[in-house]
PDB file of all heavy atoms in Angstrom:
ATOM      1  N   PHE A   1    -139.900 -61.227 -86.281  1.00  0.00           N
ATOM      2  CA  PHE A   1    -138.775 -61.378 -87.205  1.00  0.00           C
ATOM      3  C   PHE A   1    -139.150 -60.810 -88.571  1.00  0.00           C
ATOM      4  O   PHE A   1    -140.326 -60.654 -88.895  1.00  0.00           O
ATOM      5  CB  PHE A   1    -138.347 -62.843 -87.343  1.00  0.00           C
ATOM      6  CG  PHE A   1    -139.346 -63.701 -88.052  1.00  0.00           C
ATOM      7  CD1 PHE A   1    -139.268 -63.901 -89.426  1.00  0.00           C
ATOM      8  CD2 PHE A   1    -140.389 -64.310 -87.361  1.00  0.00           C
ATOM      9  CE1 PHE A   1    -140.200 -64.695 -90.090  1.00  0.00           C
ATOM     10  CE2 PHE A   1    -141.318 -65.100 -88.002  1.00  0.00           C
ATOM     11  CZ  PHE A   1    -141.227 -65.291 -89.368  1.00  0.00           C
ATOM     12  N   LYS A   2    -138.126 -60.512 -89.360  1.00  0.00           N
ATOM     13  CA  LYS A   2    -138.321 -60.003 -90.717  1.00  0.00           C
ATOM     14  C   LYS A   2    -137.143 -60.461 -91.565  1.00  0.00           C
ATOM     15  O   LYS A   2    -135.990 -60.289 -91.176  1.00  0.00           O
ATOM     16  CB  LYS A   2    -138.401 -58.475 -90.705  1.00  0.00           C
ATOM     17  CG  LYS A   2    -138.639 -57.871 -92.057  1.00  0.00           C
ATOM     18  CD  LYS A   2    -138.784 -56.365 -91.927  1.00  0.00           C
ATOM     19  CE  LYS A   2    -139.033 -55.719 -93.268  1.00  0.00           C
ATOM     20  NZ  LYS A   2    -139.169 -54.256 -93.132  1.00  0.00           N
ATOM     21  N   ILE A   3    -137.465 -61.083 -92.701  1.00  0.00           N
ATOM     22  CA  ILE A   3    -136.434 -61.528 -93.642  1.00  0.00           C
ATOM     23  C   ILE A   3    -136.803 -60.952 -95.003  1.00  0.00           C
ATOM     24  O   ILE A   3    -137.856 -61.253 -95.547  1.00  0.00           O
ATOM     25  CB  ILE A   3    -136.366 -63.070 -93.711  1.00  0.00           C
ATOM     26  CG1 ILE A   3    -136.108 -63.651 -92.316  1.00  0.00           C
ATOM     27  CG2 ILE A   3    -135.297 -63.509 -94.694  1.00  0.00           C
ATOM     28  CD1 ILE A   3    -136.194 -65.154 -92.233  1.00  0.00           C
ATOM     29  N   ASP A   4    -135.922 -60.103 -95.526  1.00  0.00           N
ATOM     30  CA  ASP A   4    -136.258 -59.436 -96.786  1.00  0.00           C
ATOM     31  C   ASP A   4    -135.322 -59.850 -97.913  1.00  0.00           C
ATOM     32  O   ASP A   4    -134.467 -60.703 -97.738  1.00  0.00           O
ATOM     33  CB  ASP A   4    -136.297 -57.922 -96.609  1.00  0.00           C
ATOM     34  CG  ASP A   4    -135.010 -57.359 -96.046  1.00  0.00           C
ATOM     35  OD1 ASP A   4    -133.997 -58.082 -95.985  1.00  0.00           O
ATOM     36  OD2 ASP A   4    -135.010 -56.181 -95.665  1.00  0.00           O
ATOM     37  N   THR A   5    -135.531 -59.258 -99.063  1.00  0.00           N
ATOM     38  CA  THR A   5    -134.809 -59.538-100.313  1.00  0.00           C
ATOM     39  C   THR A   5    -134.855 -61.024-100.683  1.00  0.00           C
ATOM     40  O   THR A   5    -133.864 -61.604-101.079  1.00  0.00           O
ATOM     41  CB  THR A   5    -133.352 -59.017-100.292  1.00  0.00           C
ATOM     42  OG1 THR A   5    -132.614 -59.702 -99.283  1.00  0.00           O
ATOM     43  CG2 THR A   5    -133.297 -57.513-100.064  1.00  0.00           C
ATOM     44  N   LEU A   6    -136.038 -61.610-100.546  1.00  0.00           N
ATOM     45  CA  LEU A   6    -136.234 -63.023-100.896  1.00  0.00           C
ATOM     46  C   LEU A   6    -136.725 -63.159-102.332  1.00  0.00           C
ATOM     47  O   LEU A   6    -137.605 -62.400-102.756  1.00  0.00           O
ATOM     48  CB  LEU A   6    -137.277 -63.656 -99.973  1.00  0.00           C
ATOM     49  CG  LEU A   6    -136.888 -63.811 -98.512  1.00  0.00           C
ATOM     50  CD1 LEU A   6    -138.114 -64.148 -97.680  1.00  0.00           C
ATOM     51  CD2 LEU A   6    -135.831 -64.883 -98.379  1.00  0.00           C
ATOM     52  N   PRO A   7    -136.217 -64.125-103.061  1.00  0.00           N
ATOM     53  CA  PRO A   7    -136.768 -64.383-104.393  1.00  0.00           C
ATOM     54  C   PRO A   7    -138.236 -64.804-104.258  1.00  0.00           C
ATOM     55  O   PRO A   7    -138.591 -65.538-103.336  1.00  0.00           O
ATOM     56  CB  PRO A   7    -135.926 -65.549-104.920  1.00  0.00           C
ATOM     57  CG  PRO A   7    -134.677 -65.534-104.104  1.00  0.00           C
ATOM     58  CD  PRO A   7    -135.073 -64.992-102.764  1.00  0.00           C
ATOM     59  N   PRO A   8    -139.089 -64.345-105.147  1.00  0.00           N
ATOM     60  CA  PRO A   8    -140.492 -64.767-105.096  1.00  0.00           C
ATOM     61  C   PRO A   8    -140.602 -66.285-105.174  1.00  0.00           C
ATOM     62  O   PRO A   8    -139.790 -66.949-105.810  1.00  0.00           O
ATOM     63  CB  PRO A   8    -141.103 -64.115-106.339  1.00  0.00           C
ATOM     64  CG  PRO A   8    -140.215 -62.937-106.613  1.00  0.00           C
ATOM     65  CD  PRO A   8    -138.842 -63.391-106.228  1.00  0.00           C
ATOM     66  N   GLY A   9    -141.608 -66.821-104.479  1.00  0.00           N
ATOM     67  CA  GLY A   9    -141.823 -68.264-104.500  1.00  0.00           C
ATOM     68  C   GLY A   9    -142.488 -68.746-103.231  1.00  0.00           C
ATOM     69  O   GLY A   9    -142.900 -67.962-102.378  1.00  0.00           O
ATOM     70  N   ASP A  10    -142.584 -70.066-103.119  1.00  0.00           N
ATOM     71  CA  ASP A  10    -143.220 -70.702-101.971  1.00  0.00           C
ATOM     72  C   ASP A  10    -142.154 -71.187-100.996  1.00  0.00           C
ATOM     73  O   ASP A  10    -141.176 -71.822-101.395  1.00  0.00           O
ATOM     74  CB  ASP A  10    -144.085 -71.875-102.425  1.00  0.00           C
ATOM     75  CG  ASP A  10    -145.246 -71.421-103.302  1.00  0.00           C
ATOM     76  OD1 ASP A  10    -145.781 -70.322-103.047  1.00  0.00           O
ATOM     77  OD2 ASP A  10    -145.605 -72.155-104.232  1.00  0.00           O
ATOM     78  N   TYR A  11    -142.377 -70.894 -99.732  1.00  0.00           N
ATOM     79  CA  TYR A  11    -141.430 -71.223 -98.671  1.00  0.00           C
ATOM     80  C   TYR A  11    -142.146 -71.947 -97.541  1.00  0.00           C
ATOM     81  O   TYR A  11    -143.364 -71.880 -97.419  1.00  0.00           O
ATOM     82  CB  TYR A  11    -140.807 -69.947 -98.086  1.00  0.00           C
ATOM     83  CG  TYR A  11    -139.917 -69.202 -99.034  1.00  0.00           C
ATOM     84  CD1 TYR A  11    -140.444 -68.318 -99.970  1.00  0.00           C
ATOM     85  CD2 TYR A  11    -138.538 -69.363 -98.991  1.00  0.00           C
ATOM     86  CE1 TYR A  11    -139.623 -67.621-100.841  1.00  0.00           C
ATOM     87  CE2 TYR A  11    -137.707 -68.666 -99.859  1.00  0.00           C
ATOM     88  CZ  TYR A  11    -138.260 -67.799-100.779  1.00  0.00           C
ATOM     89  OH  TYR A  11    -137.438 -67.120-101.639  1.00  0.00           O
ATOM     90  N   LYS A  12    -141.355 -72.599 -96.688  1.00  0.00           N
ATOM     91  CA  LYS A  12    -141.833 -73.097 -95.403  1.00  0.00           C
ATOM     92  C   LYS A  12    -141.029 -72.374 -94.340  1.00  0.00           C
ATOM     93  O   LYS A  12    -139.810 -72.224 -94.462  1.00  0.00           O
ATOM     94  CB  LYS A  12    -141.647 -74.603 -95.268  1.00  0.00           C
ATOM     95  CG  LYS A  12    -142.743 -75.379 -95.947  1.00  0.00           C
ATOM     96  CD  LYS A  12    -142.982 -76.666 -95.229  1.00  0.00           C
ATOM     97  CE  LYS A  12    -144.255 -77.282 -95.782  1.00  0.00           C
ATOM     98  NZ  LYS A  12    -144.549 -78.538 -95.192  1.00  0.00           N
ATOM     99  N   VAL A  13    -141.723 -71.944 -93.288  1.00  0.00           N
ATOM    100  CA  VAL A  13    -141.097 -71.208 -92.199  1.00  0.00           C
ATOM    101  C   VAL A  13    -141.141 -72.079 -90.949  1.00  0.00           C
ATOM    102  O   VAL A  13    -142.198 -72.587 -90.580  1.00  0.00           O
ATOM    103  CB  VAL A  13    -141.827 -69.878 -91.934  1.00  0.00           C
ATOM    104  CG1 VAL A  13    -141.124 -69.090 -90.845  1.00  0.00           C
ATOM    105  CG2 VAL A  13    -141.955 -69.055 -93.212  1.00  0.00           C
ATOM    106  N   TYR A  14    -139.995 -72.251 -90.307  1.00  0.00           N
ATOM    107  CA  TYR A  14    -139.864 -73.034 -89.088  1.00  0.00           C
ATOM    108  C   TYR A  14    -139.316 -72.127 -87.980  1.00  0.00           C
ATOM    109  O   TYR A  14    -138.526 -71.222 -88.256  1.00  0.00           O
ATOM    110  CB  TYR A  14    -138.877 -74.193 -89.270  1.00  0.00           C
ATOM    111  CG  TYR A  14    -139.253 -75.163 -90.354  1.00  0.00           C
ATOM    112  CD1 TYR A  14    -138.880 -74.951 -91.673  1.00  0.00           C
ATOM    113  CD2 TYR A  14    -139.977 -76.308 -90.059  1.00  0.00           C
ATOM    114  CE1 TYR A  14    -139.222 -75.852 -92.673  1.00  0.00           C
ATOM    115  CE2 TYR A  14    -140.321 -77.216 -91.042  1.00  0.00           C
ATOM    116  CZ  TYR A  14    -139.942 -76.972 -92.350  1.00  0.00           C
ATOM    117  OH  TYR A  14    -140.284 -77.874 -93.336  1.00  0.00           O
ATOM    118  N   ALA A  15    -139.689 -72.399 -86.743  1.00  0.00           N
ATOM    119  CA  ALA A  15    -139.138 -71.676 -85.598  1.00  0.00           C
ATOM    120  C   ALA A  15    -138.725 -72.692 -84.542  1.00  0.00           C
ATOM    121  O   ALA A  15    -139.512 -73.568 -84.177  1.00  0.00           O
ATOM    122  CB  ALA A  15    -140.171 -70.709 -85.033  1.00  0.00           C
ATOM    123  N   TRP A  16    -137.491 -72.568 -84.069  1.00  0.00           N
ATOM    124  CA  TRP A  16    -136.926 -73.517 -83.113  1.00  0.00           C
ATOM    125  C   TRP A  16    -136.367 -72.775 -81.910  1.00  0.00           C
ATOM    126  O   TRP A  16    -135.907 -71.645 -82.029  1.00  0.00           O
ATOM    127  CB  TRP A  16    -135.795 -74.316 -83.755  1.00  0.00           C
ATOM    128  CG  TRP A  16    -136.196 -75.079 -84.962  1.00  0.00           C
ATOM    129  CD1 TRP A  16    -136.159 -74.652 -86.254  1.00  0.00           C
ATOM    130  CD2 TRP A  16    -136.716 -76.409 -85.013  1.00  0.00           C
ATOM    131  NE1 TRP A  16    -136.603 -75.642 -87.093  1.00  0.00           N
ATOM    132  CE2 TRP A  16    -136.960 -76.722 -86.364  1.00  0.00           C
ATOM    133  CE3 TRP A  16    -136.992 -77.364 -84.039  1.00  0.00           C
ATOM    134  CZ2 TRP A  16    -137.463 -77.944 -86.769  1.00  0.00           C
ATOM    135  CZ3 TRP A  16    -137.495 -78.588 -84.437  1.00  0.00           C
ATOM    136  CH2 TRP A  16    -137.721 -78.878 -85.789  1.00  0.00           C
ATOM    137  N   ASP A  17    -136.325 -73.453 -80.772  1.00  0.00           N
ATOM    138  CA  ASP A  17    -135.737 -72.868 -79.573  1.00  0.00           C
ATOM    139  C   ASP A  17    -134.219 -72.805 -79.676  1.00  0.00           C
ATOM    140  O   ASP A  17    -133.587 -71.916 -79.132  1.00  0.00           O
ATOM    141  CB  ASP A  17    -136.155 -73.652 -78.324  1.00  0.00           C
ATOM    142  CG  ASP A  17    -135.663 -75.097 -78.338  1.00  0.00           C
ATOM    143  OD1 ASP A  17    -135.445 -75.657 -79.428  1.00  0.00           O
ATOM    144  OD2 ASP A  17    -135.519 -75.669 -77.240  1.00  0.00           O
ATOM    145  N   ASP A  18    -133.614 -73.754 -80.407  1.00  0.00           N
ATOM    146  CA  ASP A  18    -132.164 -73.869 -80.497  1.00  0.00           C
ATOM    147  C   ASP A  18    -131.824 -74.491 -81.849  1.00  0.00           C
ATOM    148  O   ASP A  18    -132.386 -75.521 -82.211  1.00  0.00           O
ATOM    149  CB  ASP A  18    -131.671 -74.749 -79.344  1.00  0.00           C
ATOM    150  CG  ASP A  18    -130.167 -74.966 -79.338  1.00  0.00           C
ATOM    151  OD1 ASP A  18    -129.453 -74.322 -80.123  1.00  0.00           O
ATOM    152  OD2 ASP A  18    -129.706 -75.794 -78.535  1.00  0.00           O
ATOM    153  N   SER A  19    -130.898 -73.896 -82.556  1.00  0.00           N
ATOM    154  CA  SER A  19    -130.564 -74.404 -83.890  1.00  0.00           C
ATOM    155  C   SER A  19    -129.544 -75.531 -83.880  1.00  0.00           C
ATOM    156  O   SER A  19    -129.396 -76.239 -84.877  1.00  0.00           O
ATOM    157  CB  SER A  19    -130.035 -73.265 -84.761  1.00  0.00           C
ATOM    158  OG  SER A  19    -128.818 -72.764 -84.221  1.00  0.00           O
ATOM    159  N   SER A  20    -128.854 -75.752 -82.769  1.00  0.00           N
ATOM    160  CA  SER A  20    -127.741 -76.701 -82.765  1.00  0.00           C
ATOM    161  C   SER A  20    -128.165 -78.152 -82.981  1.00  0.00           C
ATOM    162  O   SER A  20    -127.368 -78.958 -83.456  1.00  0.00           O
ATOM    163  CB  SER A  20    -126.933 -76.579 -81.468  1.00  0.00           C
ATOM    164  OG  SER A  20    -127.728 -76.872 -80.349  1.00  0.00           O
ATOM    165  N   ASN A  21    -129.398 -78.526 -82.655  1.00  0.00           N
ATOM    166  CA  ASN A  21    -129.845 -79.909 -82.851  1.00  0.00           C
ATOM    167  C   ASN A  21    -130.798 -80.065 -84.025  1.00  0.00           C
ATOM    168  O   ASN A  21    -131.422 -81.111 -84.174  1.00  0.00           O
ATOM    169  CB  ASN A  21    -130.515 -80.436 -81.577  1.00  0.00           C
ATOM    170  CG  ASN A  21    -129.532 -80.644 -80.453  1.00  0.00           C
ATOM    171  OD1 ASN A  21    -128.342 -80.812 -80.685  1.00  0.00           O
ATOM    172  ND2 ASN A  21    -130.015 -80.611 -79.236  1.00  0.00           N
ATOM    173  N   VAL A  22    -130.926 -79.036 -84.851  1.00  0.00           N
ATOM    174  CA  VAL A  22    -131.832 -79.093 -85.999  1.00  0.00           C
ATOM    175  C   VAL A  22    -131.049 -79.544 -87.231  1.00  0.00           C
ATOM    176  O   VAL A  22    -130.096 -78.886 -87.636  1.00  0.00           O
ATOM    177  CB  VAL A  22    -132.494 -77.715 -86.259  1.00  0.00           C
ATOM    178  CG1 VAL A  22    -133.356 -77.766 -87.504  1.00  0.00           C
ATOM    179  CG2 VAL A  22    -133.315 -77.301 -85.042  1.00  0.00           C
ATOM    180  N   GLU A  23    -131.459 -80.649 -87.812  1.00  0.00           N
ATOM    181  CA  GLU A  23    -130.806 -81.173 -89.023  1.00  0.00           C
ATOM    182  C   GLU A  23    -131.495 -80.600 -90.257  1.00  0.00           C
ATOM    183  O   GLU A  23    -132.103 -81.315 -91.047  1.00  0.00           O
ATOM    184  CB  GLU A  23    -130.855 -82.696 -89.018  1.00  0.00           C
ATOM    185  CG  GLU A  23    -130.056 -83.325 -87.902  1.00  0.00           C
ATOM    186  CD  GLU A  23    -130.056 -84.843 -87.963  1.00  0.00           C
ATOM    187  OE1 GLU A  23    -130.098 -85.408 -89.078  1.00  0.00           O
ATOM    188  OE2 GLU A  23    -130.003 -85.459 -86.885  1.00  0.00           O
ATOM    189  N   TYR A  24    -131.393 -79.286 -90.427  1.00  0.00           N
ATOM    190  CA  TYR A  24    -132.107 -78.595 -91.504  1.00  0.00           C
ATOM    191  C   TYR A  24    -131.640 -79.016 -92.896  1.00  0.00           C
ATOM    192  O   TYR A  24    -132.368 -78.836 -93.864  1.00  0.00           O
ATOM    193  CB  TYR A  24    -132.008 -77.078 -91.328  1.00  0.00           C
ATOM    194  CG  TYR A  24    -130.603 -76.555 -91.214  1.00  0.00           C
ATOM    195  CD1 TYR A  24    -129.866 -76.246 -92.346  1.00  0.00           C
ATOM    196  CD2 TYR A  24    -130.012 -76.376 -89.978  1.00  0.00           C
ATOM    197  CE1 TYR A  24    -128.579 -75.772 -92.249  1.00  0.00           C
ATOM    198  CE2 TYR A  24    -128.726 -75.890 -89.864  1.00  0.00           C
ATOM    199  CZ  TYR A  24    -128.016 -75.589 -91.005  1.00  0.00           C
ATOM    200  OH  TYR A  24    -126.732 -75.122 -90.908  1.00  0.00           O
ATOM    201  N   GLY A  25    -130.471 -79.619 -93.016  1.00  0.00           N
ATOM    202  CA  GLY A  25    -129.984 -80.106 -94.299  1.00  0.00           C
ATOM    203  C   GLY A  25    -130.428 -81.523 -94.615  1.00  0.00           C
ATOM    204  O   GLY A  25    -130.111 -82.055 -95.675  1.00  0.00           O
ATOM    205  N   ASN A  26    -131.179 -82.140 -93.702  1.00  0.00           N
ATOM    206  CA  ASN A  26    -131.628 -83.517 -93.859  1.00  0.00           C
ATOM    207  C   ASN A  26    -133.140 -83.517 -94.104  1.00  0.00           C
ATOM    208  O   ASN A  26    -133.919 -83.384 -93.164  1.00  0.00           O
ATOM    209  CB  ASN A  26    -131.278 -84.305 -92.590  1.00  0.00           C
ATOM    210  CG  ASN A  26    -131.709 -85.750 -92.638  1.00  0.00           C
ATOM    211  OD1 ASN A  26    -132.558 -86.155 -93.432  1.00  0.00           O
ATOM    212  ND2 ASN A  26    -131.127 -86.553 -91.743  1.00  0.00           N
ATOM    213  N   PRO A  27    -133.580 -83.682 -95.368  1.00  0.00           N
ATOM    214  CA  PRO A  27    -135.014 -83.611 -95.677  1.00  0.00           C
ATOM    215  C   PRO A  27    -135.868 -84.597 -94.889  1.00  0.00           C
ATOM    216  O   PRO A  27    -136.971 -84.258 -94.462  1.00  0.00           O
ATOM    217  CB  PRO A  27    -135.080 -83.907 -97.181  1.00  0.00           C
ATOM    218  CG  PRO A  27    -133.722 -83.623 -97.700  1.00  0.00           C
ATOM    219  CD  PRO A  27    -132.776 -83.897 -96.571  1.00  0.00           C
ATOM    220  N   GLU A  28    -135.367 -85.814 -94.657  1.00  0.00           N
ATOM    221  CA  GLU A  28    -136.139 -86.804 -93.908  1.00  0.00           C
ATOM    222  C   GLU A  28    -136.323 -86.369 -92.454  1.00  0.00           C
ATOM    223  O   GLU A  28    -137.406 -86.475 -91.884  1.00  0.00           O
ATOM    224  CB  GLU A  28    -135.470 -88.181 -93.985  1.00  0.00           C
ATOM    225  CG  GLU A  28    -136.265 -89.278 -93.322  1.00  0.00           C
ATOM    226  CD  GLU A  28    -137.657 -89.473 -93.920  1.00  0.00           C
ATOM    227  OE1 GLU A  28    -137.847 -89.242 -95.123  1.00  0.00           O
ATOM    228  OE2 GLU A  28    -138.573 -89.844 -93.158  1.00  0.00           O
ATOM    229  N   TRP A  29    -135.267 -85.855 -91.843  1.00  0.00           N
ATOM    230  CA  TRP A  29    -135.346 -85.368 -90.471  1.00  0.00           C
ATOM    231  C   TRP A  29    -136.350 -84.218 -90.376  1.00  0.00           C
ATOM    232  O   TRP A  29    -137.159 -84.175 -89.453  1.00  0.00           O
ATOM    233  CB  TRP A  29    -133.969 -84.913 -89.992  1.00  0.00           C
ATOM    234  CG  TRP A  29    -133.914 -84.601 -88.530  1.00  0.00           C
ATOM    235  CD1 TRP A  29    -133.532 -85.439 -87.537  1.00  0.00           C
ATOM    236  CD2 TRP A  29    -134.274 -83.376 -87.887  1.00  0.00           C
ATOM    237  NE1 TRP A  29    -133.625 -84.814 -86.314  1.00  0.00           N
ATOM    238  CE2 TRP A  29    -134.077 -83.546 -86.498  1.00  0.00           C
ATOM    239  CE3 TRP A  29    -134.741 -82.152 -88.339  1.00  0.00           C
ATOM    240  CZ2 TRP A  29    -134.333 -82.534 -85.573  1.00  0.00           C
ATOM    241  CZ3 TRP A  29    -135.009 -81.143 -87.424  1.00  0.00           C
ATOM    242  CH2 TRP A  29    -134.801 -81.347 -86.056  1.00  0.00           C
ATOM    243  N   MET A  30    -136.298 -83.313 -91.338  1.00  0.00           N
ATOM    244  CA  MET A  30    -137.221 -82.175 -91.328  1.00  0.00           C
ATOM    245  C   MET A  30    -138.663 -82.641 -91.495  1.00  0.00           C
ATOM    246  O   MET A  30    -139.569 -82.108 -90.848  1.00  0.00           O
ATOM    247  CB  MET A  30    -136.849 -81.159 -92.407  1.00  0.00           C
ATOM    248  CG  MET A  30    -135.563 -80.404 -92.129  1.00  0.00           C
ATOM    249  SD  MET A  30    -135.612 -79.381 -90.641  1.00  0.00           S
ATOM    250  CE  MET A  30    -136.719 -78.075 -91.159  1.00  0.00           C
ATOM    251  N   ARG A  31    -138.903 -83.632 -92.350  1.00  0.00           N
ATOM    252  CA  ARG A  31    -140.271 -84.154 -92.521  1.00  0.00           C
ATOM    253  C   ARG A  31    -140.788 -84.766 -91.218  1.00  0.00           C
ATOM    254  O   ARG A  31    -141.954 -84.608 -90.873  1.00  0.00           O
ATOM    255  CB  ARG A  31    -140.319 -85.200 -93.635  1.00  0.00           C
ATOM    256  CG  ARG A  31    -140.554 -84.624 -95.008  1.00  0.00           C
ATOM    257  CD  ARG A  31    -140.879 -85.701 -96.023  1.00  0.00           C
ATOM    258  NE  ARG A  31    -139.768 -86.580 -96.335  1.00  0.00           N
ATOM    259  CZ  ARG A  31    -138.749 -86.282 -97.130  1.00  0.00           C
ATOM    260  NH1 ARG A  31    -138.709 -85.112 -97.717  1.00  0.00           N
ATOM    261  NH2 ARG A  31    -137.785 -87.140 -97.357  1.00  0.00           N
ATOM    262  N   GLN A  32    -139.919 -85.470 -90.508  1.00  0.00           N
ATOM    263  CA  GLN A  32    -140.325 -86.143 -89.273  1.00  0.00           C
ATOM    264  C   GLN A  32    -140.460 -85.180 -88.101  1.00  0.00           C
ATOM    265  O   GLN A  32    -141.308 -85.377 -87.238  1.00  0.00           O
ATOM    266  CB  GLN A  32    -139.328 -87.237 -88.912  1.00  0.00           C
ATOM    267  CG  GLN A  32    -139.375 -88.422 -89.832  1.00  0.00           C
ATOM    268  CD  GLN A  32    -138.337 -89.480 -89.457  1.00  0.00           C
ATOM    269  OE1 GLN A  32    -137.597 -89.335 -88.480  1.00  0.00           O
ATOM    270  NE2 GLN A  32    -138.270 -90.524 -90.253  1.00  0.00           N
ATOM    271  N   ASN A  33    -139.625 -84.163 -88.028  1.00  0.00           N
ATOM    272  CA  ASN A  33    -139.556 -83.317 -86.833  1.00  0.00           C
ATOM    273  C   ASN A  33    -140.022 -81.881 -87.021  1.00  0.00           C
ATOM    274  O   ASN A  33    -140.338 -81.214 -86.043  1.00  0.00           O
ATOM    275  CB  ASN A  33    -138.121 -83.291 -86.295  1.00  0.00           C
ATOM    276  CG  ASN A  33    -137.657 -84.659 -85.872  1.00  0.00           C
ATOM    277  OD1 ASN A  33    -138.105 -85.175 -84.862  1.00  0.00           O
ATOM    278  ND2 ASN A  33    -136.786 -85.268 -86.658  1.00  0.00           N
ATOM    279  N   GLY A  34    -140.014 -81.404 -88.246  1.00  0.00           N
ATOM    280  CA  GLY A  34    -140.354 -80.006 -88.477  1.00  0.00           C
ATOM    281  C   GLY A  34    -141.841 -79.784 -88.706  1.00  0.00           C
ATOM    282  O   GLY A  34    -142.494 -80.590 -89.343  1.00  0.00           O
ATOM    283  N   LYS A  35    -142.338 -78.720 -88.147  1.00  0.00           N
ATOM    284  CA  LYS A  35    -143.725 -78.318 -88.376  1.00  0.00           C
ATOM    285  C   LYS A  35    -143.694 -76.932 -89.006  1.00  0.00           C
ATOM    286  O   LYS A  35    -143.868 -75.919 -88.321  1.00  0.00           O
ATOM    287  CB  LYS A  35    -144.503 -78.313 -87.068  1.00  0.00           C
ATOM    288  CG  LYS A  35    -144.649 -79.698 -86.460  1.00  0.00           C
ATOM    289  CD  LYS A  35    -145.439 -79.653 -85.170  1.00  0.00           C
ATOM    290  CE  LYS A  35    -145.557 -81.030 -84.573  1.00  0.00           C
ATOM    291  NZ  LYS A  35    -144.488 -81.339 -83.640  1.00  0.00           N
ATOM    292  N   GLY A  36    -143.453 -76.898 -90.300  1.00  0.00           N
ATOM    293  CA  GLY A  36    -143.324 -75.631 -90.998  1.00  0.00           C
ATOM    294  C   GLY A  36    -144.664 -75.055 -91.395  1.00  0.00           C
ATOM    295  O   GLY A  36    -145.651 -75.768 -91.554  1.00  0.00           O
ATOM    296  N   VAL A  37    -144.674 -73.739 -91.550  1.00  0.00           N
ATOM    297  CA  VAL A  37    -145.850 -73.010 -92.005  1.00  0.00           C
ATOM    298  C   VAL A  37    -145.577 -72.551 -93.437  1.00  0.00           C
ATOM    299  O   VAL A  37    -144.551 -71.920 -93.702  1.00  0.00           O
ATOM    300  CB  VAL A  37    -146.129 -71.800 -91.093  1.00  0.00           C
ATOM    301  CG1 VAL A  37    -147.283 -70.974 -91.628  1.00  0.00           C
ATOM    302  CG2 VAL A  37    -146.408 -72.262 -89.673  1.00  0.00           C
TER     303      VAL A  37
END
């Protein structure tokens, strides 16, 4: 994958098999379930 034209800064990158069950707008859910790089 490639994502360009990003503002400089620190990011976390996540990869999922399916986006429909990912609560990416819920910080608590992401802390519990996400393993970002």
